[in-house]
Amino acid sequence: MATSKTTSLKRGVAALLFVIVLAFGWRYPYLAYCLFLNVLVGLIGALRHGGRHGCGNFCPRGAFYSFLPDTGRKLPAGLLARKMSIAVMALMVLGLALWLRPTTVRGWGMLFYIMIVVTTTVGLVGWLVFNRYFWCSVCPMGKIYKTIRPRRSGIRVADTCVKCGLCAKACPFGFFPPKAAQDGVFRDPDCMLCRRCIERCPKHALSMERSARMNQK
């Protein structure tokens, strides 16, 4: 399918950009400022499509992790609901600022680069212990995005669905749209709208649904 190939290409480019920042950021700290571009894209995705759309479609780090081998292990129950990572990230920024005491644009770039390295390491450890989407489940920005118009978009489940469960296996967080759908549409604040379930469905029973009429709370 053309859409699937386009999505794969987009993920590949995003992952490559992340690797470039990770590999050369120590020498060119200005690359770390791409972090803010990523945040901006995430906010635009949340405002336009709702929730974590940017996480599942444009995040370079998330794309990078998606290419790691699947361990087949599940994420710990309740991990998505915890918001501690926001406080941890804030404390990390404060700690690094006090330690490095950056006074130049390059200095702040190095601070952001160190943050990227540390958080990527956490994600890699999480991949080895749990699975490749561990970081996506604890990402502090993801926790923020999910509060922005979380019910604007969803996954529509058609009557042709046979509830085979392949969509749940493809979903980074193991969501099973046919089981949790209401009025034929699955909506969850943590759903990244990455379309992996849609791409995996053998019956083509899943599709994106966007509604401006839904409650935006």
C-alpha atoms as a PDB file:
ATOM      1  CA  MET A   1       0.000   0.000   0.000  1.00  0.00           C
ATOM      2  CA  ALA A   2       1.245   3.497  -0.886  1.00  0.00           C
ATOM      3  CA  THR A   3       0.247   4.879   2.509  1.00  0.00           C
ATOM      4  CA  SER A   4       2.207   2.175   4.316  1.00  0.00           C
ATOM      5  CA  LYS A   5       5.320   2.822   2.190  1.00  0.00           C
ATOM      6  CA  THR A   6       5.060   6.565   2.785  1.00  0.00           C
ATOM      7  CA  THR A   7       4.710   6.030   6.536  1.00  0.00           C
ATOM      8  CA  SER A   8       7.714   3.685   6.586  1.00  0.00           C
ATOM      9  CA  LEU A   9       9.799   6.198   4.634  1.00  0.00           C
ATOM     10  CA  LYS A  10       8.781   8.979   7.011  1.00  0.00           C
ATOM     11  CA  ARG A  11       9.778   6.878  10.021  1.00  0.00           C
ATOM     12  CA  GLY A  12      13.073   5.993   8.396  1.00  0.00           C
ATOM     13  CA  VAL A  13      13.980   9.618   7.720  1.00  0.00           C
ATOM     14  CA  ALA A  14      12.973  10.647  11.246  1.00  0.00           C
ATOM     15  CA  ALA A  15      15.064   7.844  12.765  1.00  0.00           C
ATOM     16  CA  LEU A  16      18.062   8.838  10.631  1.00  0.00           C
ATOM     17  CA  LEU A  17      17.804  12.451  11.807  1.00  0.00           C
ATOM     18  CA  PHE A  18      17.783  11.255  15.407  1.00  0.00           C
ATOM     19  CA  VAL A  19      20.891   9.106  14.842  1.00  0.00           C
ATOM     20  CA  ILE A  20      22.677  12.096  13.269  1.00  0.00           C
ATOM     21  CA  VAL A  21      21.934  14.291  16.298  1.00  0.00           C
ATOM     22  CA  LEU A  22      22.981  11.495  18.651  1.00  0.00           C
ATOM     23  CA  ALA A  23      26.223  10.774  16.780  1.00  0.00           C
ATOM     24  CA  PHE A  24      27.394  14.336  16.092  1.00  0.00           C
ATOM     25  CA  GLY A  25      25.728  16.392  18.827  1.00  0.00           C
ATOM     26  CA  TRP A  26      28.782  16.179  21.079  1.00  0.00           C
ATOM     27  CA  ARG A  27      30.821  17.939  18.393  1.00  0.00           C
ATOM     28  CA  TYR A  28      28.048  20.196  17.107  1.00  0.00           C
ATOM     29  CA  PRO A  29      25.831  20.919  20.148  1.00  0.00           C
ATOM     30  CA  TYR A  30      23.642  23.210  18.051  1.00  0.00           C
ATOM     31  CA  LEU A  31      22.095  20.053  16.576  1.00  0.00           C
ATOM     32  CA  ALA A  32      20.467  19.427  19.946  1.00  0.00           C
ATOM     33  CA  TYR A  33      18.194  22.414  19.355  1.00  0.00           C
ATOM     34  CA  CYS A  34      16.281  20.126  16.989  1.00  0.00           C
ATOM     35  CA  LEU A  35      14.700  18.996  20.258  1.00  0.00           C
ATOM     36  CA  PHE A  36      12.523  22.119  20.219  1.00  0.00           C
ATOM     37  CA  LEU A  37      11.506  21.544  16.605  1.00  0.00           C
ATOM     38  CA  ASN A  38      10.333  18.091  17.647  1.00  0.00           C
ATOM     39  CA  VAL A  39       8.337  19.570  20.539  1.00  0.00           C
ATOM     40  CA  LEU A  40       6.763  22.143  18.199  1.00  0.00           C
ATOM     41  CA  VAL A  41       5.739  19.441  15.709  1.00  0.00           C
ATOM     42  CA  GLY A  42       4.281  17.433  18.589  1.00  0.00           C
ATOM     43  CA  LEU A  43       2.214  20.391  19.743  1.00  0.00           C
ATOM     44  CA  ILE A  44       0.957  21.064  16.217  1.00  0.00           C
ATOM     45  CA  GLY A  45      -0.002  17.402  15.890  1.00  0.00           C
ATOM     46  CA  ALA A  46      -1.849  17.527  19.208  1.00  0.00           C
ATOM     47  CA  LEU A  47      -3.762  20.670  18.266  1.00  0.00           C
ATOM     48  CA  ARG A  48      -4.657  19.506  14.783  1.00  0.00           C
ATOM     49  CA  HIS A  49      -5.261  15.786  15.274  1.00  0.00           C
ATOM     50  CA  GLY A  50      -5.459  15.485  19.052  1.00  0.00           C
ATOM     51  CA  GLY A  51      -3.375  13.790  21.738  1.00  0.00           C
ATOM     52  CA  ARG A  52      -0.183  11.950  20.869  1.00  0.00           C
ATOM     53  CA  HIS A  53      -0.474  12.110  17.083  1.00  0.00           C
ATOM     54  CA  GLY A  54       2.979  13.681  16.843  1.00  0.00           C
ATOM     55  CA  CYS A  55       4.483  10.852  18.902  1.00  0.00           C
ATOM     56  CA  GLY A  56       3.272   8.207  16.496  1.00  0.00           C
ATOM     57  CA  ASN A  57       3.921  10.045  13.241  1.00  0.00           C
ATOM     58  CA  PHE A  58       6.798  12.518  13.545  1.00  0.00           C
ATOM     59  CA  CYS A  59       8.881  11.835  16.669  1.00  0.00           C
ATOM     60  CA  PRO A  60      12.470  10.969  15.585  1.00  0.00           C
ATOM     61  CA  ARG A  61      13.241   9.175  18.855  1.00  0.00           C
ATOM     62  CA  GLY A  62      10.086   7.078  18.652  1.00  0.00           C
ATOM     63  CA  ALA A  63      10.910   6.226  15.026  1.00  0.00           C
ATOM     64  CA  PHE A  64      14.425   5.204  16.086  1.00  0.00           C
ATOM     65  CA  TYR A  65      13.114   2.839  18.761  1.00  0.00           C
ATOM     66  CA  SER A  66      10.595   1.329  16.322  1.00  0.00           C
ATOM     67  CA  PHE A  67      13.471  -0.092  14.258  1.00  0.00           C
ATOM     68  CA  LEU A  68      14.953  -1.970  17.222  1.00  0.00           C
ATOM     69  CA  PRO A  69      14.279  -5.733  17.402  1.00  0.00           C
ATOM     70  CA  ASP A  70      11.059  -6.615  19.203  1.00  0.00           C
ATOM     71  CA  THR A  71      11.715  -8.445  22.481  1.00  0.00           C
ATOM     72  CA  GLY A  72       8.155  -9.736  22.644  1.00  0.00           C
ATOM     73  CA  ARG A  73       7.811  -8.622  26.250  1.00  0.00           C
ATOM     74  CA  LYS A  74       4.979  -6.436  27.518  1.00  0.00           C
ATOM     75  CA  LEU A  75       5.257  -3.059  29.208  1.00  0.00           C
ATOM     76  CA  PRO A  76       4.576  -2.965  32.968  1.00  0.00           C
ATOM     77  CA  ALA A  77       0.910  -2.463  33.805  1.00  0.00           C
ATOM     78  CA  GLY A  78       0.031   1.114  34.708  1.00  0.00           C
ATOM     79  CA  LEU A  79       3.185   2.613  33.181  1.00  0.00           C
ATOM     80  CA  LEU A  80       1.227   4.798  30.755  1.00  0.00           C
ATOM     81  CA  ALA A  81      -0.816   6.332  33.573  1.00  0.00           C
ATOM     82  CA  ARG A  82       2.183   7.505  35.599  1.00  0.00           C
ATOM     83  CA  LYS A  83       3.214  11.146  35.200  1.00  0.00           C
ATOM     84  CA  MET A  84       6.353  11.047  37.325  1.00  0.00           C
ATOM     85  CA  SER A  85       8.540  11.380  34.220  1.00  0.00           C
ATOM     86  CA  ILE A  86       7.521  15.039  33.837  1.00  0.00           C
ATOM     87  CA  ALA A  87       8.920  15.867  37.285  1.00  0.00           C
ATOM     88  CA  VAL A  88      12.015  13.737  36.667  1.00  0.00           C
ATOM     89  CA  MET A  89      12.729  15.564  33.401  1.00  0.00           C
ATOM     90  CA  ALA A  90      12.315  18.954  35.079  1.00  0.00           C
ATOM     91  CA  LEU A  91      14.739  17.932  37.825  1.00  0.00           C
ATOM     92  CA  MET A  92      17.205  16.672  35.210  1.00  0.00           C
ATOM     93  CA  VAL A  93      17.179  20.019  33.401  1.00  0.00           C
ATOM     94  CA  LEU A  94      17.661  21.856  36.689  1.00  0.00           C
ATOM     95  CA  GLY A  95      20.465  19.540  37.781  1.00  0.00           C
ATOM     96  CA  LEU A  96      22.327  19.825  34.486  1.00  0.00           C
ATOM     97  CA  ALA A  97      21.903  23.603  34.468  1.00  0.00           C
ATOM     98  CA  LEU A  98      23.403  23.851  37.960  1.00  0.00           C
ATOM     99  CA  TRP A  99      26.241  21.505  37.014  1.00  0.00           C
ATOM    100  CA  LEU A 100      27.160  22.898  33.596  1.00  0.00           C
ATOM    101  CA  ARG A 101      26.113  26.501  34.250  1.00  0.00           C
ATOM    102  CA  PRO A 102      25.688  27.245  30.525  1.00  0.00           C
ATOM    103  CA  THR A 103      26.032  30.885  29.513  1.00  0.00           C
ATOM    104  CA  THR A 104      26.225  30.553  25.728  1.00  0.00           C
ATOM    105  CA  VAL A 105      24.017  29.126  22.993  1.00  0.00           C
ATOM    106  CA  ARG A 106      26.577  26.344  22.505  1.00  0.00           C
ATOM    107  CA  GLY A 107      26.593  25.656  26.244  1.00  0.00           C
ATOM    108  CA  TRP A 108      22.831  25.228  26.354  1.00  0.00           C
ATOM    109  CA  GLY A 109      23.075  23.065  23.264  1.00  0.00           C
ATOM    110  CA  MET A 110      25.479  20.758  25.102  1.00  0.00           C
ATOM    111  CA  LEU A 111      23.050  20.589  28.025  1.00  0.00           C
ATOM    112  CA  PHE A 112      20.241  19.540  25.708  1.00  0.00           C
ATOM    113  CA  TYR A 113      22.536  17.030  24.005  1.00  0.00           C
ATOM    114  CA  ILE A 114      23.402  15.414  27.333  1.00  0.00           C
ATOM    115  CA  MET A 115      19.685  15.197  28.082  1.00  0.00           C
ATOM    116  CA  ILE A 116      19.127  13.433  24.766  1.00  0.00           C
ATOM    117  CA  VAL A 117      21.934  10.955  25.474  1.00  0.00           C
ATOM    118  CA  VAL A 118      20.755  10.211  29.014  1.00  0.00           C
ATOM    119  CA  THR A 119      17.110   9.751  28.071  1.00  0.00           C
ATOM    120  CA  THR A 120      18.042   7.646  25.042  1.00  0.00           C
ATOM    121  CA  THR A 121      20.119   5.417  27.309  1.00  0.00           C
ATOM    122  CA  VAL A 122      17.118   5.040  29.613  1.00  0.00           C
ATOM    123  CA  GLY A 123      15.019   4.066  26.610  1.00  0.00           C
ATOM    124  CA  LEU A 124      17.585   1.500  25.452  1.00  0.00           C
ATOM    125  CA  VAL A 125      17.739  -0.082  28.896  1.00  0.00           C
ATOM    126  CA  GLY A 126      13.936  -0.148  28.924  1.00  0.00           C
ATOM    127  CA  TRP A 127      14.025  -1.889  25.538  1.00  0.00           C
ATOM    128  CA  LEU A 128      16.352  -4.601  26.845  1.00  0.00           C
ATOM    129  CA  VAL A 129      14.331  -5.137  30.026  1.00  0.00           C
ATOM    130  CA  PHE A 130      10.814  -4.673  28.609  1.00  0.00           C
ATOM    131  CA  ASN A 131      10.328  -3.692  24.942  1.00  0.00           C
ATOM    132  CA  ARG A 132      11.314  -1.099  22.353  1.00  0.00           C
ATOM    133  CA  TYR A 133       8.443   1.247  23.162  1.00  0.00           C
ATOM    134  CA  PHE A 134       9.383   1.638  26.823  1.00  0.00           C
ATOM    135  CA  TRP A 135      10.472   5.261  26.358  1.00  0.00           C
ATOM    136  CA  CYS A 136       7.298   6.096  24.450  1.00  0.00           C
ATOM    137  CA  SER A 137       5.311   4.950  27.487  1.00  0.00           C
ATOM    138  CA  VAL A 138       7.173   7.218  29.924  1.00  0.00           C
ATOM    139  CA  CYS A 139       8.059  10.163  27.646  1.00  0.00           C
ATOM    140  CA  PRO A 140       7.246  13.388  29.549  1.00  0.00           C
ATOM    141  CA  MET A 141       6.243  15.231  26.380  1.00  0.00           C
ATOM    142  CA  GLY A 142       3.912  12.385  25.493  1.00  0.00           C
ATOM    143  CA  LYS A 143       2.273  12.812  28.897  1.00  0.00           C
ATOM    144  CA  ILE A 144       1.664  16.472  28.049  1.00  0.00           C
ATOM    145  CA  TYR A 145       0.464  15.901  24.480  1.00  0.00           C
ATOM    146  CA  LYS A 146      -2.141  13.365  25.635  1.00  0.00           C
ATOM    147  CA  THR A 147      -3.971  16.110  27.541  1.00  0.00           C
ATOM    148  CA  ILE A 148      -4.456  18.258  24.402  1.00  0.00           C
ATOM    149  CA  ARG A 149      -7.726  17.472  22.574  1.00  0.00           C
ATOM    150  CA  PRO A 150      -7.286  13.765  23.381  1.00  0.00           C
ATOM    151  CA  ARG A 151     -10.559  12.663  21.805  1.00  0.00           C
ATOM    152  CA  ARG A 152     -10.271  14.534  18.523  1.00  0.00           C
ATOM    153  CA  SER A 153      -9.095  11.484  16.553  1.00  0.00           C
ATOM    154  CA  GLY A 154      -9.449   7.753  16.870  1.00  0.00           C
ATOM    155  CA  ILE A 155      -9.518   4.400  15.112  1.00  0.00           C
ATOM    156  CA  ARG A 156     -12.775   3.385  13.433  1.00  0.00           C
ATOM    157  CA  VAL A 157     -13.573  -0.309  13.570  1.00  0.00           C
ATOM    158  CA  ALA A 158     -15.694  -1.597  10.665  1.00  0.00           C
ATOM    159  CA  ASP A 159     -18.162  -4.468  10.847  1.00  0.00           C
ATOM    160  CA  THR A 160     -15.761  -6.605   8.816  1.00  0.00           C
ATOM    161  CA  CYS A 161     -13.465  -6.901  11.873  1.00  0.00           C
ATOM    162  CA  VAL A 162     -13.067 -10.551  12.994  1.00  0.00           C
ATOM    163  CA  LYS A 163     -11.259  -9.661  16.262  1.00  0.00           C
ATOM    164  CA  CYS A 164      -8.179 -11.672  15.309  1.00  0.00           C
ATOM    165  CA  GLY A 165      -5.978  -9.647  17.675  1.00  0.00           C
ATOM    166  CA  LEU A 166      -3.246  -8.809  15.159  1.00  0.00           C
ATOM    167  CA  CYS A 167      -3.866  -5.092  15.685  1.00  0.00           C
ATOM    168  CA  ALA A 168      -3.085  -5.452  19.396  1.00  0.00           C
ATOM    169  CA  LYS A 169       0.183  -7.206  18.561  1.00  0.00           C
ATOM    170  CA  ALA A 170       1.143  -4.383  16.217  1.00  0.00           C
ATOM    171  CA  CYS A 171       0.203  -1.608  18.668  1.00  0.00           C
ATOM    172  CA  PRO A 172       3.181  -0.221  20.651  1.00  0.00           C
ATOM    173  CA  PHE A 173       1.066  -0.266  23.815  1.00  0.00           C
ATOM    174  CA  GLY A 174      -0.974  -3.372  23.086  1.00  0.00           C
ATOM    175  CA  PHE A 175      -4.317  -1.613  22.612  1.00  0.00           C
ATOM    176  CA  PHE A 176      -7.094  -3.751  21.097  1.00  0.00           C
ATOM    177  CA  PRO A 177      -9.403  -1.270  19.264  1.00  0.00           C
ATOM    178  CA  PRO A 178     -12.251  -3.739  18.519  1.00  0.00           C
ATOM    179  CA  LYS A 179     -12.658  -4.526  22.209  1.00  0.00           C
ATOM    180  CA  ALA A 180     -12.474  -0.969  23.546  1.00  0.00           C
ATOM    181  CA  ALA A 181     -14.314   0.848  20.727  1.00  0.00           C
ATOM    182  CA  GLN A 182     -17.412   2.865  21.578  1.00  0.00           C
ATOM    183  CA  ASP A 183     -19.935   3.516  18.786  1.00  0.00           C
ATOM    184  CA  GLY A 184     -17.477   1.875  16.430  1.00  0.00           C
ATOM    185  CA  VAL A 185     -14.533   4.168  17.252  1.00  0.00           C
ATOM    186  CA  PHE A 186     -11.580   3.479  19.552  1.00  0.00           C
ATOM    187  CA  ARG A 187     -10.290   6.562  21.371  1.00  0.00           C
ATOM    188  CA  ASP A 188      -7.644   6.561  24.083  1.00  0.00           C
ATOM    189  CA  PRO A 189      -5.500   9.506  25.257  1.00  0.00           C
ATOM    190  CA  ASP A 190      -2.379   7.312  25.061  1.00  0.00           C
ATOM    191  CA  CYS A 191      -3.052   6.103  21.519  1.00  0.00           C
ATOM    192  CA  MET A 192      -0.295   7.579  19.319  1.00  0.00           C
ATOM    193  CA  LEU A 193      -2.391   7.263  16.136  1.00  0.00           C
ATOM    194  CA  CYS A 194       0.642   5.672  14.506  1.00  0.00           C
ATOM    195  CA  ARG A 195      -1.518   3.572  12.131  1.00  0.00           C
ATOM    196  CA  ARG A 196       0.384   0.373  12.873  1.00  0.00           C
ATOM    197  CA  CYS A 197      -2.865  -1.384  13.737  1.00  0.00           C
ATOM    198  CA  ILE A 198      -4.408  -0.148  10.484  1.00  0.00           C
ATOM    199  CA  GLU A 199      -1.428  -1.378   8.475  1.00  0.00           C
ATOM    200  CA  ARG A 200      -1.519  -4.798  10.161  1.00  0.00           C
ATOM    201  CA  CYS A 201      -5.245  -5.509   9.840  1.00  0.00           C
ATOM    202  CA  PRO A 202      -5.724  -8.306   7.246  1.00  0.00           C
ATOM    203  CA  LYS A 203      -9.383  -7.371   6.738  1.00  0.00           C
ATOM    204  CA  HIS A 204      -8.730  -3.619   6.284  1.00  0.00           C
ATOM    205  CA  ALA A 205     -11.364  -3.093   8.962  1.00  0.00           C
ATOM    206  CA  LEU A 206      -9.547  -0.240  10.736  1.00  0.00           C
ATOM    207  CA  SER A 207      -9.232   3.364   9.597  1.00  0.00           C
ATOM    208  CA  MET A 208      -8.474   6.798  11.012  1.00  0.00           C
ATOM    209  CA  GLU A 209     -11.406   8.766  12.378  1.00  0.00           C
ATOM    210  CA  ARG A 210     -11.344  12.472  13.111  1.00  0.00           C
ATOM    211  CA  SER A 211     -14.227  14.354  14.687  1.00  0.00           C
ATOM    212  CA  ALA A 212     -14.343  18.003  15.653  1.00  0.00           C
ATOM    213  CA  ARG A 213     -17.674  17.386  17.331  1.00  0.00           C
ATOM    214  CA  MET A 214     -16.228  15.189  20.060  1.00  0.00           C
ATOM    215  CA  ASN A 215     -15.711  16.476  23.574  1.00  0.00           C
ATOM    216  CA  GLN A 216     -12.246  17.979  23.592  1.00  0.00           C
ATOM    217  CA  LYS A 217     -11.590  17.504  27.291  1.00  0.00           C
END
